[in-house]
Amino acid sequence: MNRFTSFLLPILWVFSLLGVPPNPTSDRLKPVVTTEVEQLFEKLSAVHPQPPSLSALASAWRGYSQLGDELNKPLLTVIDFTLPSTQRRLWIIDMQAKKILLHTVVAHGRNSGLLHAEQFSNRPESYKSSLGFFKTGETYQGKHGYSLRLDGLEKGINDQARNRAIVLHGADYAKEDFLKSAGRLGRSLGCPAVPTELAPSIIQLIKNGTLLFVYGKDPDYLETSKF
């Protein structure tokens, strides 16, 4: 036993007697990286230059493992709002084949932040993005053309998605051409907006009962989500 270990053990022993871990908040916020997550990450990394981060994938996996039996197709859409809008931060993953079907940019809500999405809300007219797990619904033709309704699955976190008209749709401000000229994507009223030319194929692929997960830097969400 070295000096550091002999110094640390009494501290850990006291914490164990009190029933308090040395850093409980830090432990709660750590994504749980299981063997299944590591294997999925390795398979995606082997065939794709930029898979989702291990943190985003671990959080997405936890929800998918609980909700996967209720889905119509084994698809998981991951949006990682820890990344700036200058990066491609939406992935559609075939969880059965363990492959990425599509990877593109996605816009966040105008009141969530400029380059990064940093603030999130479930409140109507907040014009902020919401975090958490959504189930894709039906399609419709709206002011943004072919669009996809989303149902928030987490009470108090994103369950107002229908009332807020939070949908996946195409937008010119979500194109990479806009990004090149403005230095960032434009922003929505809270919807995950994708490039106009890709919207129809994305919507056709994930509509009617697949899982969509929005990941972000928000300790409140990570502490309160049942997933």
Protein backbone atom coordinates (compact mmCIF):
# COMPACT_ATOMS: atom_id res chain seq x y z
CA MET A 1 0.00 0.00 0.00
CA ASN A 2 1.47 3.35 -1.05
CA ARG A 3 1.17 6.64 0.87
CA PHE A 4 -1.65 7.93 -1.31
CA THR A 5 -3.72 4.79 -0.82
CA SER A 6 -3.16 4.78 2.93
CA PHE A 7 -4.30 8.43 3.02
CA LEU A 8 -7.36 7.83 0.82
CA LEU A 9 -8.79 4.69 2.41
CA PRO A 10 -9.81 6.32 5.74
CA ILE A 11 -11.64 9.06 3.80
CA LEU A 12 -13.53 6.52 1.70
CA TRP A 13 -14.32 4.55 4.87
CA VAL A 14 -15.87 7.63 6.51
CA PHE A 15 -17.94 8.32 3.39
CA SER A 16 -19.16 4.71 3.38
CA LEU A 17 -20.21 4.96 7.05
CA LEU A 18 -22.17 8.11 6.28
CA GLY A 19 -23.74 6.52 3.22
CA VAL A 20 -22.47 9.37 1.03
CA PRO A 21 -20.24 8.82 -2.02
CA PRO A 22 -17.23 11.19 -2.31
CA ASN A 23 -18.81 13.06 -5.23
CA PRO A 24 -22.44 12.00 -5.66
CA THR A 25 -23.38 14.72 -8.16
CA SER A 26 -20.48 13.88 -10.43
CA ASP A 27 -21.38 10.18 -10.33
CA ARG A 28 -25.02 10.86 -11.21
CA LEU A 29 -24.09 12.96 -14.20
CA LYS A 30 -21.65 10.45 -15.66
CA PRO A 31 -23.07 8.54 -18.63
CA VAL A 32 -23.23 4.82 -17.98
CA VAL A 33 -20.92 3.27 -20.56
CA THR A 34 -21.82 -0.42 -20.70
CA THR A 35 -20.20 -3.14 -22.76
CA GLU A 36 -23.07 -2.89 -25.27
CA VAL A 37 -22.44 0.84 -25.70
CA GLU A 38 -18.72 0.32 -26.17
CA GLN A 39 -19.35 -2.38 -28.77
CA LEU A 40 -21.83 -0.18 -30.63
CA PHE A 41 -19.41 2.75 -30.56
CA GLU A 42 -16.60 0.56 -31.92
CA LYS A 43 -18.77 -0.77 -34.76
CA LEU A 44 -19.98 2.69 -35.73
CA SER A 45 -16.43 4.09 -35.53
CA ALA A 46 -15.10 1.35 -37.79
CA VAL A 47 -17.31 2.39 -40.71
CA HIS A 48 -17.97 6.08 -40.08
CA PRO A 49 -15.46 8.93 -39.65
CA GLN A 50 -17.54 10.77 -37.04
CA PRO A 51 -19.95 8.73 -34.91
CA PRO A 52 -21.80 10.29 -31.96
CA SER A 53 -19.65 10.88 -28.89
CA LEU A 54 -19.48 8.06 -26.37
CA SER A 55 -21.33 10.27 -23.83
CA ALA A 56 -24.23 11.03 -26.18
CA LEU A 57 -24.40 7.43 -27.35
CA ALA A 58 -24.42 6.08 -23.78
CA SER A 59 -27.30 8.35 -22.81
CA ALA A 60 -29.21 7.50 -25.99
CA TRP A 61 -28.65 3.78 -25.46
CA ARG A 62 -30.22 3.85 -22.00
CA GLY A 63 -33.49 5.19 -23.37
CA TYR A 64 -33.44 2.96 -26.44
CA SER A 65 -32.91 -0.14 -24.28
CA GLN A 66 -36.09 0.75 -22.34
CA LEU A 67 -38.23 1.94 -25.26
CA GLY A 68 -36.98 -0.16 -28.17
CA ASP A 69 -39.73 -2.78 -27.90
CA GLU A 70 -42.37 -0.08 -28.45
CA LEU A 71 -40.87 1.15 -31.72
CA ASN A 72 -41.97 0.29 -35.25
CA LYS A 73 -38.40 0.23 -36.62
CA PRO A 74 -35.03 -0.29 -34.89
CA LEU A 75 -33.90 3.25 -35.65
CA LEU A 76 -32.37 5.75 -33.23
CA THR A 77 -31.89 9.40 -34.18
CA VAL A 78 -29.31 11.17 -32.01
CA ILE A 79 -28.97 14.96 -31.90
CA ASP A 80 -25.97 16.18 -29.91
CA PHE A 81 -26.44 19.80 -28.89
CA THR A 82 -23.14 19.85 -27.02
CA LEU A 83 -21.67 20.48 -30.47
CA PRO A 84 -21.86 23.87 -32.23
CA SER A 85 -24.17 24.29 -35.21
CA THR A 86 -21.12 24.45 -37.47
CA GLN A 87 -20.76 20.68 -37.05
CA ARG A 88 -22.91 17.82 -38.25
CA ARG A 89 -24.67 16.82 -35.06
CA LEU A 90 -27.57 14.60 -36.17
CA TRP A 91 -27.14 10.88 -36.74
CA ILE A 92 -29.70 8.27 -37.78
CA ILE A 93 -28.53 4.86 -36.56
CA ASP A 94 -29.85 1.46 -37.59
CA MET A 95 -29.57 -0.26 -34.22
CA GLN A 96 -30.08 -3.71 -35.69
CA ALA A 97 -27.43 -3.44 -38.40
CA LYS A 98 -25.21 -1.26 -36.17
CA LYS A 99 -24.64 1.33 -38.91
CA ILE A 100 -25.15 5.04 -39.46
CA LEU A 101 -27.69 5.70 -42.20
CA LEU A 102 -27.43 9.49 -42.29
CA HIS A 103 -25.30 12.23 -40.70
CA THR A 104 -26.10 15.92 -41.16
CA VAL A 105 -26.42 19.36 -39.59
CA VAL A 106 -29.43 20.39 -37.51
CA ALA A 107 -30.54 23.78 -36.19
CA HIS A 108 -31.60 24.58 -32.61
CA GLY A 109 -34.08 27.07 -31.14
CA ARG A 110 -33.32 30.79 -31.38
CA ASN A 111 -33.48 31.34 -27.61
CA SER A 112 -31.32 28.33 -26.82
CA GLY A 113 -28.16 30.11 -27.93
CA LEU A 114 -26.30 31.48 -30.93
CA LEU A 115 -23.61 29.03 -32.00
CA HIS A 116 -24.24 26.50 -29.22
CA ALA A 117 -27.55 25.36 -27.72
CA GLU A 118 -27.09 26.13 -24.03
CA GLN A 119 -30.61 26.76 -22.68
CA PHE A 120 -33.55 24.40 -23.00
CA SER A 121 -37.24 24.57 -22.21
CA ASN A 122 -40.54 22.72 -22.33
CA ARG A 123 -42.54 25.96 -22.12
CA PRO A 124 -44.75 27.14 -25.01
CA GLU A 125 -43.43 30.23 -26.83
CA SER A 126 -40.02 29.91 -25.21
CA TYR A 127 -38.49 29.38 -28.67
CA LYS A 128 -35.98 27.04 -27.06
CA SER A 129 -35.07 23.48 -27.93
CA SER A 130 -36.10 20.64 -25.63
CA LEU A 131 -33.90 17.78 -24.53
CA GLY A 132 -34.71 14.13 -24.07
CA PHE A 133 -36.49 11.31 -25.84
CA PHE A 134 -39.17 11.80 -28.46
CA LYS A 135 -41.21 9.34 -30.50
CA THR A 136 -41.79 10.29 -34.10
CA GLY A 137 -45.40 10.67 -35.17
CA GLU A 138 -47.29 11.36 -38.36
CA THR A 139 -46.30 13.55 -41.30
CA TYR A 140 -48.12 16.60 -42.65
CA GLN A 141 -47.72 19.45 -45.09
CA GLY A 142 -47.12 22.76 -43.30
CA LYS A 143 -45.51 26.14 -43.82
CA HIS A 144 -42.11 24.40 -44.01
CA GLY A 145 -43.40 21.77 -46.43
CA TYR A 146 -43.24 18.08 -45.58
CA SER A 147 -42.88 17.90 -41.78
CA LEU A 148 -42.88 15.32 -38.99
CA ARG A 149 -44.66 15.62 -35.66
CA LEU A 150 -42.82 14.63 -32.49
CA ASP A 151 -44.20 13.38 -29.18
CA GLY A 152 -42.10 14.14 -26.11
CA LEU A 153 -41.84 11.11 -23.83
CA GLU A 154 -40.54 12.85 -20.72
CA LYS A 155 -43.01 14.62 -18.45
CA GLY A 156 -41.99 18.15 -17.55
CA ILE A 157 -39.02 17.99 -19.92
CA ASN A 158 -40.43 17.71 -23.45
CA ASP A 159 -44.04 16.56 -23.14
CA GLN A 160 -45.31 19.92 -24.46
CA ALA A 161 -43.84 19.19 -27.90
CA ARG A 162 -47.27 18.80 -29.54
CA ASN A 163 -48.66 21.94 -27.90
CA ARG A 164 -45.53 23.86 -28.93
CA ALA A 165 -45.68 22.53 -32.50
CA ILE A 166 -42.16 21.15 -32.13
CA VAL A 167 -41.65 19.17 -35.34
CA LEU A 168 -38.83 18.06 -37.58
CA HIS A 169 -38.85 20.07 -40.80
CA GLY A 170 -36.61 21.38 -43.52
CA ALA A 171 -35.32 24.96 -43.62
CA ASP A 172 -33.01 26.98 -45.86
CA TYR A 173 -31.26 28.36 -42.75
CA ALA A 174 -30.33 24.78 -41.83
CA LYS A 175 -28.35 24.19 -45.02
CA GLU A 176 -24.58 23.95 -45.03
CA ASP A 177 -24.53 26.73 -47.67
CA PHE A 178 -26.07 29.06 -45.07
CA LEU A 179 -23.44 27.89 -42.62
CA LYS A 180 -20.62 28.78 -44.99
CA SER A 181 -21.91 32.32 -45.52
CA ALA A 182 -23.05 33.12 -41.95
CA GLY A 183 -20.51 31.15 -39.94
CA ARG A 184 -23.29 29.22 -38.19
CA LEU A 185 -26.71 27.79 -38.95
CA GLY A 186 -29.83 29.85 -38.56
CA ARG A 187 -32.18 29.06 -35.70
CA SER A 188 -35.72 27.77 -35.40
CA LEU A 189 -38.57 28.44 -32.96
CA GLY A 190 -37.51 25.32 -31.08
CA CYS A 191 -37.79 22.70 -33.81
CA PRO A 192 -34.93 20.48 -34.95
CA ALA A 193 -34.65 21.89 -38.47
CA VAL A 194 -32.64 20.03 -41.11
CA PRO A 195 -31.46 20.91 -44.64
CA THR A 196 -34.39 21.36 -47.01
CA GLU A 197 -33.05 18.90 -49.57
CA LEU A 198 -32.63 16.17 -46.95
CA ALA A 199 -35.87 16.68 -45.02
CA PRO A 200 -38.11 14.41 -47.15
CA SER A 201 -35.73 11.45 -47.02
CA ILE A 202 -35.09 11.92 -43.27
CA ILE A 203 -38.80 12.12 -42.52
CA GLN A 204 -39.65 9.10 -44.66
CA LEU A 205 -36.98 7.11 -42.89
CA ILE A 206 -37.86 7.89 -39.26
CA LYS A 207 -41.61 8.66 -39.33
CA ASN A 208 -44.33 6.75 -37.45
CA GLY A 209 -42.82 5.38 -34.31
CA THR A 210 -39.03 5.61 -34.15
CA LEU A 211 -36.97 7.11 -31.33
CA LEU A 212 -35.28 10.52 -31.43
CA PHE A 213 -32.96 11.66 -28.63
CA VAL A 214 -31.71 15.20 -28.05
CA TYR A 215 -28.58 15.41 -25.89
CA GLY A 216 -27.23 18.58 -24.30
CA LYS A 217 -25.22 20.05 -21.44
CA ASP A 218 -27.93 20.37 -18.82
CA PRO A 219 -27.34 18.89 -15.33
CA ASP A 220 -31.04 19.30 -14.46
CA TYR A 221 -32.05 17.02 -17.32
CA LEU A 222 -29.37 14.45 -16.60
CA GLU A 223 -30.42 14.33 -12.94
CA THR A 224 -34.20 14.18 -13.44
CA SER A 225 -34.70 12.08 -16.58
CA LYS A 226 -36.14 8.66 -15.77
CA PHE A 227 -34.09 7.30 -18.65
